Amino acid sequence: MLPDHLDYNLKILFIGFNPGLQSEEIGHHYANPTNRFFAVLNDAGLTDRKLSPEEDRRLLEYGYGLTNIVDRPTRGASDLTIEDYVQGRKHLLKKINVYMPLVNCYVGKGVYQKLSGIKKVDWGFQPINQVEGVRDFVAPSTSGLVRMSLKELTEIYRQLKLDKVN
């Protein structure tokens, strides 16, 4: 199972759907070479350089954590079941309530929709937070399958910069 990277006093907890097969195989988040997660964080000014998937744990040094709504690896999020989400939602809410990050960043609209049950969701900070005291932010998936440009992704993620989060 792909390990979470969690700690207390996180600025941002990045929450994905579930580990991809490649991430599970090598033991690091966002490991598919077509995934732009680490490039987006760097270009948005959230990290001082582009980290590699093998350095995913170093995000803790920036005050960022990593987890998923579902722990089970699959080829794609479309392979997840309703039961995966029911169980995953319970586990994710426990993690959030224990670690209480300042912001939960849902990496993909569908992640937030599956957790919250809210159908109409815009990018950015949400008017309704799922855990009291933790702000919810919805960002696009950084998967290579997403048709947004790196610049478009970066503009949305840039809203998470520390000066805007606090």
Protein backbone atom coordinates (compact mmCIF):
# COMPACT_ATOMS: atom_id res chain seq x y z
CA MET A 1 0.00 0.00 0.00
CA LEU A 2 1.29 3.45 -0.91
CA PRO A 3 2.14 5.29 2.33
CA ASP A 4 0.49 8.58 3.27
CA HIS A 5 2.76 11.48 4.14
CA LEU A 6 0.99 13.10 7.09
CA ASP A 7 1.98 15.24 10.05
CA TYR A 8 0.49 17.75 12.43
CA ASN A 9 0.52 21.48 11.60
CA LEU A 10 0.36 20.96 7.83
CA LYS A 11 -0.32 24.01 5.72
CA ILE A 12 -1.85 21.94 2.92
CA LEU A 13 -2.96 18.32 2.65
CA PHE A 14 -3.11 17.26 -1.00
CA ILE A 15 -5.80 14.61 -1.51
CA GLY A 16 -5.95 12.52 -4.68
CA PHE A 17 -8.38 9.84 -5.88
CA ASN A 18 -6.21 6.76 -5.32
CA PRO A 19 -2.75 5.48 -6.19
CA GLY A 20 -2.10 4.62 -9.78
CA LEU A 21 -0.48 1.29 -10.55
CA GLN A 22 2.88 2.90 -11.28
CA SER A 23 2.84 4.87 -8.01
CA GLU A 24 1.97 1.72 -6.11
CA GLU A 25 4.71 -0.23 -7.86
CA ILE A 26 7.51 2.22 -7.04
CA GLY A 27 6.05 3.38 -3.70
CA HIS A 28 5.77 7.11 -4.47
CA HIS A 29 2.88 9.47 -5.17
CA TYR A 30 2.29 10.97 -8.64
CA ALA A 31 4.93 8.67 -10.16
CA ASN A 32 3.53 8.44 -13.68
CA PRO A 33 5.89 10.48 -15.91
CA THR A 34 2.89 12.17 -17.55
CA ASN A 35 1.59 13.48 -14.21
CA ARG A 36 2.37 17.17 -13.73
CA PHE A 37 1.85 17.38 -9.94
CA PHE A 38 5.43 18.24 -8.95
CA ALA A 39 5.90 20.61 -11.91
CA VAL A 40 2.69 22.45 -11.01
CA LEU A 41 3.74 22.84 -7.36
CA ASN A 42 7.07 24.28 -8.45
CA ASP A 43 5.63 26.58 -11.12
CA ALA A 44 2.96 27.82 -8.69
CA GLY A 45 5.66 28.83 -6.20
CA LEU A 46 4.67 26.20 -3.64
CA THR A 47 8.10 24.52 -3.79
CA ASP A 48 11.48 26.08 -4.55
CA ARG A 49 12.33 23.44 -7.15
CA LYS A 50 10.63 20.62 -9.01
CA LEU A 51 10.73 17.58 -6.77
CA SER A 52 10.73 14.06 -8.19
CA PRO A 53 8.17 11.44 -7.17
CA GLU A 54 10.95 9.71 -5.20
CA GLU A 55 11.15 12.88 -3.08
CA ASP A 56 7.42 12.94 -2.31
CA ARG A 57 8.08 12.63 1.44
CA ARG A 58 10.10 15.87 1.31
CA LEU A 59 6.83 17.74 0.83
CA LEU A 60 6.47 17.47 4.62
CA GLU A 61 9.42 19.88 4.89
CA TYR A 62 7.29 22.47 3.07
CA GLY A 63 4.35 21.81 5.37
CA TYR A 64 2.47 19.73 2.81
CA GLY A 65 1.01 16.24 3.18
CA LEU A 66 -0.18 13.61 0.72
CA THR A 67 -3.05 11.14 0.92
CA ASN A 68 -5.92 9.78 -1.17
CA ILE A 69 -9.65 9.27 -0.71
CA VAL A 70 -9.17 5.58 -1.61
CA ASP A 71 -6.06 3.55 -0.76
CA ARG A 72 -6.59 0.78 -3.33
CA PRO A 73 -4.44 1.21 -6.45
CA THR A 74 -6.13 0.97 -9.85
CA ARG A 75 -5.37 1.77 -13.47
CA GLY A 76 -7.69 4.78 -13.18
CA ALA A 77 -10.26 6.38 -10.88
CA SER A 78 -13.04 4.94 -13.08
CA ASP A 79 -12.10 1.50 -11.69
CA LEU A 80 -13.12 2.49 -8.14
CA THR A 81 -16.39 1.20 -6.70
CA ILE A 82 -19.07 2.87 -4.62
CA GLU A 83 -17.88 0.78 -1.66
CA ASP A 84 -14.30 2.04 -2.20
CA TYR A 85 -15.59 5.59 -1.82
CA VAL A 86 -17.83 4.82 1.17
CA GLN A 87 -14.92 3.26 3.09
CA GLY A 88 -12.41 5.80 1.78
CA ARG A 89 -14.55 8.74 2.87
CA LYS A 90 -14.66 7.41 6.45
CA HIS A 91 -10.89 6.89 6.58
CA LEU A 92 -10.13 10.25 4.98
CA LEU A 93 -12.34 12.18 7.38
CA LYS A 94 -10.60 10.45 10.32
CA LYS A 95 -7.19 11.49 8.96
CA ILE A 96 -8.32 15.10 8.45
CA ASN A 97 -9.82 15.26 11.94
CA VAL A 98 -6.61 13.90 13.50
CA TYR A 99 -4.10 16.06 11.60
CA MET A 100 -6.23 19.20 11.02
CA PRO A 101 -4.28 20.82 8.17
CA LEU A 102 -5.00 24.47 7.40
CA VAL A 103 -6.22 23.54 3.90
CA ASN A 104 -7.34 20.35 2.18
CA CYS A 105 -6.49 20.58 -1.51
CA TYR A 106 -8.54 18.07 -3.48
CA VAL A 107 -6.51 17.14 -6.58
CA GLY A 108 -9.47 16.73 -8.91
CA LYS A 109 -13.06 17.97 -8.73
CA GLY A 110 -14.30 14.41 -8.46
CA VAL A 111 -12.33 13.82 -5.26
CA TYR A 112 -14.17 16.66 -3.52
CA GLN A 113 -17.48 15.63 -5.06
CA LYS A 114 -17.07 12.04 -3.80
CA LEU A 115 -16.20 13.26 -0.31
CA SER A 116 -18.79 16.03 0.00
CA GLY A 117 -21.68 14.82 -2.17
CA ILE A 118 -21.79 18.33 -3.68
CA LYS A 119 -22.35 18.16 -7.44
CA LYS A 120 -21.65 21.77 -8.56
CA VAL A 121 -18.08 22.66 -7.66
CA ASP A 122 -15.86 25.46 -8.91
CA TRP A 123 -12.06 25.63 -8.75
CA GLY A 124 -10.56 27.28 -5.68
CA PHE A 125 -11.66 27.70 -2.08
CA GLN A 126 -15.09 26.24 -1.36
CA PRO A 127 -17.97 27.96 0.47
CA ILE A 128 -18.63 24.78 2.49
CA ASN A 129 -15.82 22.96 4.30
CA GLN A 130 -16.11 19.26 5.12
CA VAL A 131 -14.27 19.49 8.45
CA GLU A 132 -14.77 22.48 10.70
CA GLY A 133 -11.58 24.50 10.98
CA VAL A 134 -10.07 23.18 7.73
CA ARG A 135 -10.54 25.14 4.50
CA ASP A 136 -11.37 23.16 1.36
CA PHE A 137 -9.74 23.97 -1.98
CA VAL A 138 -10.56 22.20 -5.23
CA ALA A 139 -7.88 22.03 -7.90
CA PRO A 140 -7.75 20.18 -11.20
CA SER A 141 -6.17 16.78 -11.42
CA THR A 142 -2.58 17.00 -12.62
CA SER A 143 -2.90 13.79 -14.62
CA GLY A 144 -1.57 13.89 -18.15
CA LEU A 145 -5.11 12.94 -19.24
CA VAL A 146 -6.41 16.36 -18.14
CA ARG A 147 -6.52 18.68 -21.13
CA MET A 148 -5.58 21.85 -19.24
CA SER A 149 -2.21 23.39 -20.00
CA LEU A 150 0.52 23.57 -17.39
CA LYS A 151 -0.04 27.33 -17.27
CA GLU A 152 -3.79 26.91 -16.59
CA LEU A 153 -3.12 24.37 -13.84
CA THR A 154 -0.45 26.57 -12.29
CA GLU A 155 -2.75 29.61 -12.13
CA ILE A 156 -5.28 27.65 -10.07
CA TYR A 157 -2.69 26.10 -7.75
CA ARG A 158 -1.01 29.50 -7.27
CA GLN A 159 -4.06 30.49 -5.16
CA LEU A 160 -2.67 28.13 -2.49
CA LYS A 161 0.48 30.18 -1.88
CA LEU A 162 1.04 30.69 1.83
CA ASP A 163 0.26 34.41 1.88
CA LYS A 164 -3.20 33.63 0.54
CA VAL A 165 -3.81 30.57 2.73
CA ASN A 166 -3.32 32.18 6.15
